[in-house]
C-alpha atoms as a PDB file:
ATOM      1  CA  MET A   1      -0.036   0.031   0.065  1.00  0.00           C
ATOM      2  CA  GLU A   2       1.432   3.387  -1.036  1.00  0.00           C
ATOM      3  CA  ARG A   3       1.929   5.527   1.885  1.00  0.00           C
ATOM      4  CA  THR A   4       0.191   9.070   2.158  1.00  0.00           C
ATOM      5  CA  GLU A   5       1.565  11.701   4.113  1.00  0.00           C
ATOM      6  CA  GLU A   6      -0.750  14.036   6.373  1.00  0.00           C
ATOM      7  CA  PRO A   7      -0.367  17.533   5.508  1.00  0.00           C
ATOM      8  CA  ALA A   8       1.521  19.642   8.089  1.00  0.00           C
ATOM      9  CA  VAL A   9      -0.464  21.836  10.470  1.00  0.00           C
ATOM     10  CA  VAL A  10       0.541  25.450  11.401  1.00  0.00           C
ATOM     11  CA  GLU A  11       1.356  25.685  14.856  1.00  0.00           C
ATOM     12  CA  PHE A  12       2.207  28.627  16.693  1.00  0.00           C
ATOM     13  CA  ALA A  13       4.597  29.652  19.739  1.00  0.00           C
ATOM     14  CA  GLN A  14       4.812  32.592  21.745  1.00  0.00           C
ATOM     15  CA  VAL A  15       8.431  33.583  21.548  1.00  0.00           C
ATOM     16  CA  ASN A  16      10.226  36.852  22.772  1.00  0.00           C
ATOM     17  CA  GLY A  17       6.711  38.820  22.804  1.00  0.00           C
ATOM     18  CA  VAL A  18       5.748  37.730  19.258  1.00  0.00           C
ATOM     19  CA  ARG A  19       3.742  34.836  17.881  1.00  0.00           C
ATOM     20  CA  ILE A  20       5.767  32.598  15.544  1.00  0.00           C
ATOM     21  CA  ALA A  21       4.202  30.315  13.181  1.00  0.00           C
ATOM     22  CA  TYR A  22       5.781  26.734  12.311  1.00  0.00           C
ATOM     23  CA  GLU A  23       5.225  23.535  10.944  1.00  0.00           C
ATOM     24  CA  ARG A  24       6.672  20.144  12.160  1.00  0.00           C
ATOM     25  CA  THR A  25       6.756  17.341   9.648  1.00  0.00           C
ATOM     26  CA  GLY A  26       8.538  13.818  10.424  1.00  0.00           C
ATOM     27  CA  GLU A  27       8.489  11.743  13.334  1.00  0.00           C
ATOM     28  CA  SER A  28      11.848  10.267  13.756  1.00  0.00           C
ATOM     29  CA  GLY A  29      15.518  11.235  13.449  1.00  0.00           C
ATOM     30  CA  ASP A  30      17.504  14.100  14.607  1.00  0.00           C
ATOM     31  CA  PRO A  31      15.733  17.408  14.644  1.00  0.00           C
ATOM     32  CA  LEU A  32      16.308  19.760  11.548  1.00  0.00           C
ATOM     33  CA  VAL A  33      15.303  23.515  11.335  1.00  0.00           C
ATOM     34  CA  PHE A  34      14.949  25.626   8.483  1.00  0.00           C
ATOM     35  CA  VAL A  35      15.381  29.301   8.295  1.00  0.00           C
ATOM     36  CA  HIS A  36      14.142  31.198   5.040  1.00  0.00           C
ATOM     37  CA  GLY A  37      15.569  34.293   3.710  1.00  0.00           C
ATOM     38  CA  SER A  38      14.288  37.777   3.209  1.00  0.00           C
ATOM     39  CA  TRP A  39      10.883  38.079   1.587  1.00  0.00           C
ATOM     40  CA  GLY A  40       9.955  34.563   2.083  1.00  0.00           C
ATOM     41  CA  SER A  41       8.321  32.119   4.234  1.00  0.00           C
ATOM     42  CA  HIS A  42       8.451  28.623   5.720  1.00  0.00           C
ATOM     43  CA  HIS A  43       6.952  27.435   2.405  1.00  0.00           C
ATOM     44  CA  ASN A  44      10.042  28.346   0.477  1.00  0.00           C
ATOM     45  CA  TRP A  45      11.155  24.707   1.722  1.00  0.00           C
ATOM     46  CA  ASP A  46       8.086  22.881   0.809  1.00  0.00           C
ATOM     47  CA  PRO A  47       9.739  21.102  -2.257  1.00  0.00           C
ATOM     48  CA  ILE A  48      12.262  19.452  -0.016  1.00  0.00           C
ATOM     49  CA  VAL A  49      10.641  18.860   3.451  1.00  0.00           C
ATOM     50  CA  PRO A  50       8.694  15.758   2.563  1.00  0.00           C
ATOM     51  CA  GLY A  51      12.022  14.020   1.503  1.00  0.00           C
ATOM     52  CA  LEU A  52      13.953  15.055   4.524  1.00  0.00           C
ATOM     53  CA  ALA A  53      11.143  14.130   7.001  1.00  0.00           C
ATOM     54  CA  GLU A  54      11.582  10.387   6.104  1.00  0.00           C
ATOM     55  CA  HIS A  55      14.998  10.943   8.110  1.00  0.00           C
ATOM     56  CA  PHE A  56      14.804  13.896  10.255  1.00  0.00           C
ATOM     57  CA  ARG A  57      12.158  15.784  12.686  1.00  0.00           C
ATOM     58  CA  VAL A  58      11.751  18.872  10.275  1.00  0.00           C
ATOM     59  CA  VAL A  59      10.483  22.114  11.439  1.00  0.00           C
ATOM     60  CA  SER A  60       9.998  25.103   9.005  1.00  0.00           C
ATOM     61  CA  TYR A  61       8.935  28.645  10.482  1.00  0.00           C
ATOM     62  CA  ASP A  62       8.026  32.048   9.482  1.00  0.00           C
ATOM     63  CA  ARG A  63      10.753  34.415  10.939  1.00  0.00           C
ATOM     64  CA  ARG A  64       8.800  37.338  12.866  1.00  0.00           C
ATOM     65  CA  GLY A  65       7.232  39.701  10.511  1.00  0.00           C
ATOM     66  CA  HIS A  66       6.996  37.318   7.796  1.00  0.00           C
ATOM     67  CA  SER A  67       3.784  35.777   6.517  1.00  0.00           C
ATOM     68  CA  ASP A  68       1.764  34.113   9.625  1.00  0.00           C
ATOM     69  CA  SER A  69       4.172  35.288  12.288  1.00  0.00           C
ATOM     70  CA  GLU A  70       3.856  38.650  14.040  1.00  0.00           C
ATOM     71  CA  ARG A  71       5.687  41.638  13.272  1.00  0.00           C
ATOM     72  CA  SER A  72       7.565  43.742  15.909  1.00  0.00           C
ATOM     73  CA  SER A  73       5.723  46.894  17.033  1.00  0.00           C
ATOM     74  CA  GLY A  74       8.603  49.138  15.785  1.00  0.00           C
ATOM     75  CA  GLN A  75      12.013  48.667  13.943  1.00  0.00           C
ATOM     76  CA  GLY A  76      12.866  45.042  13.769  1.00  0.00           C
ATOM     77  CA  TYR A  77      16.291  43.941  14.275  1.00  0.00           C
ATOM     78  CA  PHE A  78      18.499  40.626  13.190  1.00  0.00           C
ATOM     79  CA  SER A  79      19.500  40.192  16.760  1.00  0.00           C
ATOM     80  CA  GLU A  80      15.785  39.418  17.374  1.00  0.00           C
ATOM     81  CA  ASP A  81      15.576  36.970  14.789  1.00  0.00           C
ATOM     82  CA  VAL A  82      18.714  35.224  16.057  1.00  0.00           C
ATOM     83  CA  ALA A  83      16.861  35.341  19.518  1.00  0.00           C
ATOM     84  CA  ASP A  84      13.624  33.940  18.321  1.00  0.00           C
ATOM     85  CA  LEU A  85      15.623  30.961  16.595  1.00  0.00           C
ATOM     86  CA  ALA A  86      17.081  30.028  19.703  1.00  0.00           C
ATOM     87  CA  ALA A  87      13.912  30.568  21.956  1.00  0.00           C
ATOM     88  CA  LEU A  88      11.928  28.408  19.463  1.00  0.00           C
ATOM     89  CA  ILE A  89      14.320  25.595  19.422  1.00  0.00           C
ATOM     90  CA  GLU A  90      14.370  25.613  23.199  1.00  0.00           C
ATOM     91  CA  GLN A  91      10.543  25.926  23.305  1.00  0.00           C
ATOM     92  CA  LEU A  92       9.961  22.856  21.165  1.00  0.00           C
ATOM     93  CA  GLY A  93      12.451  20.635  23.248  1.00  0.00           C
ATOM     94  CA  ILE A  94      14.789  19.951  20.104  1.00  0.00           C
ATOM     95  CA  ALA A  95      17.942  21.420  21.260  1.00  0.00           C
ATOM     96  CA  PRO A  96      20.604  20.604  19.796  1.00  0.00           C
ATOM     97  CA  ALA A  97      19.205  20.913  16.461  1.00  0.00           C
ATOM     98  CA  TRP A  98      20.660  20.933  12.778  1.00  0.00           C
ATOM     99  CA  VAL A  99      19.961  24.300  11.455  1.00  0.00           C
ATOM    100  CA  VAL A 100      19.825  25.130   7.673  1.00  0.00           C
ATOM    101  CA  GLY A 101      19.583  28.791   6.282  1.00  0.00           C
ATOM    102  CA  ASN A 102      19.343  30.446   3.127  1.00  0.00           C
ATOM    103  CA  SER A 103      20.387  33.889   2.283  1.00  0.00           C
ATOM    104  CA  SER A 104      19.560  36.122   5.383  1.00  0.00           C
ATOM    105  CA  GLY A 105      18.448  33.095   6.880  1.00  0.00           C
ATOM    106  CA  ALA A 106      21.945  31.651   6.581  1.00  0.00           C
ATOM    107  CA  ALA A 107      23.252  34.795   7.922  1.00  0.00           C
ATOM    108  CA  LEU A 108      20.905  34.222  10.747  1.00  0.00           C
ATOM    109  CA  THR A 109      22.298  30.712  11.053  1.00  0.00           C
ATOM    110  CA  VAL A 110      25.812  31.784  11.463  1.00  0.00           C
ATOM    111  CA  LYS A 111      24.969  34.473  14.014  1.00  0.00           C
ATOM    112  CA  LEU A 112      23.305  31.936  15.934  1.00  0.00           C
ATOM    113  CA  ALA A 113      26.348  29.657  15.840  1.00  0.00           C
ATOM    114  CA  ALA A 114      28.078  32.607  17.481  1.00  0.00           C
ATOM    115  CA  ALA A 115      25.525  33.702  19.923  1.00  0.00           C
ATOM    116  CA  ARG A 116      24.092  30.376  21.142  1.00  0.00           C
ATOM    117  CA  PRO A 117      26.308  27.159  20.154  1.00  0.00           C
ATOM    118  CA  GLU A 118      24.611  25.117  22.614  1.00  0.00           C
ATOM    119  CA  VAL A 119      21.651  24.942  20.953  1.00  0.00           C
ATOM    120  CA  LEU A 120      23.043  23.618  17.569  1.00  0.00           C
ATOM    121  CA  ARG A 121      24.067  20.140  16.479  1.00  0.00           C
ATOM    122  CA  GLY A 122      25.331  21.621  13.315  1.00  0.00           C
ATOM    123  CA  ILE A 123      24.699  24.254  10.482  1.00  0.00           C
ATOM    124  CA  VAL A 124      24.198  24.196   6.634  1.00  0.00           C
ATOM    125  CA  VAL A 125      24.403  27.678   5.189  1.00  0.00           C
ATOM    126  CA  HIS A 126      23.612  28.725   1.866  1.00  0.00           C
ATOM    127  CA  GLU A 127      24.942  32.156   0.550  1.00  0.00           C
ATOM    128  CA  PRO A 128      25.012  34.066   3.740  1.00  0.00           C
ATOM    129  CA  PRO A 129      25.315  38.126   2.687  1.00  0.00           C
ATOM    130  CA  LEU A 130      27.691  38.885   5.361  1.00  0.00           C
ATOM    131  CA  VAL A 131      29.210  41.473   3.127  1.00  0.00           C
ATOM    132  CA  GLY A 132      30.444  43.407   6.184  1.00  0.00           C
ATOM    133  CA  LEU A 133      33.521  40.845   6.219  1.00  0.00           C
ATOM    134  CA  LEU A 134      34.474  41.775   2.891  1.00  0.00           C
ATOM    135  CA  GLU A 135      37.998  43.560   2.781  1.00  0.00           C
ATOM    136  CA  ALA A 136      37.391  47.160   2.630  1.00  0.00           C
ATOM    137  CA  GLY A 137      38.186  48.503  -1.165  1.00  0.00           C
ATOM    138  CA  SER A 138      38.320  45.002  -2.564  1.00  0.00           C
ATOM    139  CA  PRO A 139      36.351  44.388  -5.968  1.00  0.00           C
ATOM    140  CA  GLU A 140      33.932  42.451  -3.950  1.00  0.00           C
ATOM    141  CA  ALA A 141      33.311  45.066  -1.557  1.00  0.00           C
ATOM    142  CA  GLN A 142      33.026  47.692  -4.401  1.00  0.00           C
ATOM    143  CA  ALA A 143      30.570  45.494  -6.332  1.00  0.00           C
ATOM    144  CA  VAL A 144      28.343  45.306  -3.180  1.00  0.00           C
ATOM    145  CA  ASP A 145      28.577  48.884  -2.720  1.00  0.00           C
ATOM    146  CA  ALA A 146      27.414  49.604  -6.296  1.00  0.00           C
ATOM    147  CA  ILE A 147      24.215  47.245  -5.380  1.00  0.00           C
ATOM    148  CA  GLU A 148      23.857  49.037  -2.081  1.00  0.00           C
ATOM    149  CA  THR A 149      23.696  52.503  -3.455  1.00  0.00           C
ATOM    150  CA  GLY A 150      22.121  51.701  -6.538  1.00  0.00           C
ATOM    151  CA  PRO A 151      19.201  49.312  -6.906  1.00  0.00           C
ATOM    152  CA  LEU A 152      18.880  48.015  -3.557  1.00  0.00           C
ATOM    153  CA  ALA A 153      18.570  51.789  -2.264  1.00  0.00           C
ATOM    154  CA  GLU A 154      15.873  52.326  -5.007  1.00  0.00           C
ATOM    155  CA  VAL A 155      14.202  49.121  -3.664  1.00  0.00           C
ATOM    156  CA  GLY A 156      13.900  50.907  -0.066  1.00  0.00           C
ATOM    157  CA  GLN A 157      12.651  54.194  -1.569  1.00  0.00           C
ATOM    158  CA  ARG A 158       9.897  51.930  -3.076  1.00  0.00           C
ATOM    159  CA  LEU A 159       8.994  50.188  -0.212  1.00  0.00           C
ATOM    160  CA  ALA A 160       9.071  53.426   2.050  1.00  0.00           C
ATOM    161  CA  ALA A 161       6.607  55.003  -0.433  1.00  0.00           C
ATOM    162  CA  GLY A 162       4.144  52.117  -0.005  1.00  0.00           C
ATOM    163  CA  ASP A 163       4.883  50.502  -3.326  1.00  0.00           C
ATOM    164  CA  HIS A 164       5.350  46.894  -2.222  1.00  0.00           C
ATOM    165  CA  ALA A 165       4.714  45.022  -5.161  1.00  0.00           C
ATOM    166  CA  GLY A 166       7.327  47.451  -7.441  1.00  0.00           C
ATOM    167  CA  GLY A 167       9.813  47.049  -4.651  1.00  0.00           C
ATOM    168  CA  ALA A 168       9.519  43.478  -4.748  1.00  0.00           C
ATOM    169  CA  LYS A 169       9.693  43.255  -8.393  1.00  0.00           C
ATOM    170  CA  GLN A 170      12.859  45.445  -8.362  1.00  0.00           C
ATOM    171  CA  PHE A 171      14.708  43.186  -6.017  1.00  0.00           C
ATOM    172  CA  VAL A 172      13.935  40.128  -7.832  1.00  0.00           C
ATOM    173  CA  GLU A 173      15.027  41.614 -11.359  1.00  0.00           C
ATOM    174  CA  GLN A 174      17.822  43.834 -10.310  1.00  0.00           C
ATOM    175  CA  VAL A 175      19.448  42.309  -7.170  1.00  0.00           C
ATOM    176  CA  ALA A 176      18.609  38.800  -7.032  1.00  0.00           C
ATOM    177  CA  LEU A 177      17.694  36.924 -10.053  1.00  0.00           C
ATOM    178  CA  GLY A 178      17.792  39.052 -13.247  1.00  0.00           C
ATOM    179  CA  PRO A 179      15.473  41.034 -15.742  1.00  0.00           C
ATOM    180  CA  GLY A 180      12.169  39.331 -16.593  1.00  0.00           C
ATOM    181  CA  SER A 181      12.290  36.689 -13.384  1.00  0.00           C
ATOM    182  CA  TRP A 182       9.508  38.213 -11.868  1.00  0.00           C
ATOM    183  CA  ALA A 183       7.002  37.259 -14.108  1.00  0.00           C
ATOM    184  CA  GLN A 184       8.582  33.716 -13.977  1.00  0.00           C
ATOM    185  CA  LEU A 185       7.944  33.405 -10.246  1.00  0.00           C
ATOM    186  CA  PRO A 186       4.841  31.300  -9.008  1.00  0.00           C
ATOM    187  CA  ASP A 187       1.825  33.581  -8.250  1.00  0.00           C
ATOM    188  CA  ALA A 188       1.825  32.380  -4.606  1.00  0.00           C
ATOM    189  CA  MET A 189       5.703  33.357  -3.956  1.00  0.00           C
ATOM    190  CA  ARG A 190       5.053  36.805  -5.716  1.00  0.00           C
ATOM    191  CA  ALA A 191       2.179  37.300  -3.252  1.00  0.00           C
ATOM    192  CA  ILE A 192       4.306  36.126  -0.202  1.00  0.00           C
ATOM    193  CA  MET A 193       7.192  38.595  -1.245  1.00  0.00           C
ATOM    194  CA  VAL A 194       4.540  41.492  -1.529  1.00  0.00           C
ATOM    195  CA  ALA A 195       2.940  40.695   1.863  1.00  0.00           C
ATOM    196  CA  ASN A 196       6.469  40.550   3.428  1.00  0.00           C
ATOM    197  CA  ALA A 197       7.857  43.726   2.075  1.00  0.00           C
ATOM    198  CA  PRO A 198       7.387  46.101   5.115  1.00  0.00           C
ATOM    199  CA  THR A 199       9.855  43.749   6.989  1.00  0.00           C
ATOM    200  CA  TYR A 200      12.150  43.838   4.407  1.00  0.00           C
ATOM    201  CA  LEU A 201      12.540  47.284   4.782  1.00  0.00           C
ATOM    202  CA  ASP A 202      13.267  46.953   8.240  1.00  0.00           C
ATOM    203  CA  GLU A 203      15.967  44.598   7.326  1.00  0.00           C
ATOM    204  CA  LEU A 204      17.385  47.617   5.113  1.00  0.00           C
ATOM    205  CA  HIS A 205      17.314  49.903   8.158  1.00  0.00           C
ATOM    206  CA  ASP A 206      19.618  47.464  10.136  1.00  0.00           C
ATOM    207  CA  THR A 207      22.945  46.776   9.052  1.00  0.00           C
ATOM    208  CA  GLU A 208      23.464  43.869  11.682  1.00  0.00           C
ATOM    209  CA  TRP A 209      22.610  41.688   8.491  1.00  0.00           C
ATOM    210  CA  LYS A 210      26.347  42.481   7.417  1.00  0.00           C
ATOM    211  CA  VAL A 211      28.492  41.110   9.834  1.00  0.00           C
ATOM    212  CA  VAL A 212      29.094  38.440  12.383  1.00  0.00           C
ATOM    213  CA  ASP A 213      31.015  38.241  15.662  1.00  0.00           C
ATOM    214  CA  ALA A 214      34.139  36.547  14.382  1.00  0.00           C
ATOM    215  CA  THR A 215      35.659  36.026  17.780  1.00  0.00           C
ATOM    216  CA  ARG A 216      32.459  34.360  19.262  1.00  0.00           C
ATOM    217  CA  LEU A 217      31.849  32.243  16.085  1.00  0.00           C
ATOM    218  CA  ALA A 218      35.541  31.060  16.493  1.00  0.00           C
ATOM    219  CA  CYS A 219      34.586  29.312  19.372  1.00  0.00           C
ATOM    220  CA  TYR A 220      31.742  27.312  17.657  1.00  0.00           C
ATOM    221  CA  ASP A 221      33.120  24.009  17.189  1.00  0.00           C
ATOM    222  CA  GLY A 222      30.343  21.964  15.675  1.00  0.00           C
ATOM    223  CA  PRO A 223      29.856  20.633  12.082  1.00  0.00           C
ATOM    224  CA  ALA A 224      29.408  23.508   9.297  1.00  0.00           C
ATOM    225  CA  LEU A 225      28.730  23.064   5.686  1.00  0.00           C
ATOM    226  CA  LEU A 226      28.642  26.424   3.732  1.00  0.00           C
END
């Protein structure tokens, strides 16, 4: 008989004063937590969760200010995201856990390794944009500066003016994926990005996303795949 998976149910946890939405999939194996990047939601991981849930107890969640999770009452900060992730792992009783992050979610994962290594079993990070670690004046740093002062600044201006759809489209086509790519995204993904645009504006106003405490990170001795 072919096994059919029950659809995951969105649950909620009160973490650091905000309500965080998450899904749990899989009944055995090590705990594995997915951290999505800017603009996104826990649904970014939907294509790979079913396969991994055969071997892990998977948790995917919406970071604060994204989709079904509450926003901060004022300016949001990456330090809050790091604290939320550590608290969620502890509240669910799954420490130490494997944590997998993409983009700004990868930066948060690296920051967690520096701040709270005891809640981690290991980390997997894909393209963490910790551009503050680049050597000043290097070609890479100059390229990042051109993006930040050009299209990324324009994205921020659009979002501040309330043009969430225009800002999301410009980010996708001029920063992330290239011209014409916005129309190629699934309708659901475009809708999620537009809805989460205000939180991305918070991220642009918080330069913590660029750096990590290298001294504290050096004390992390768990497995890491970058």
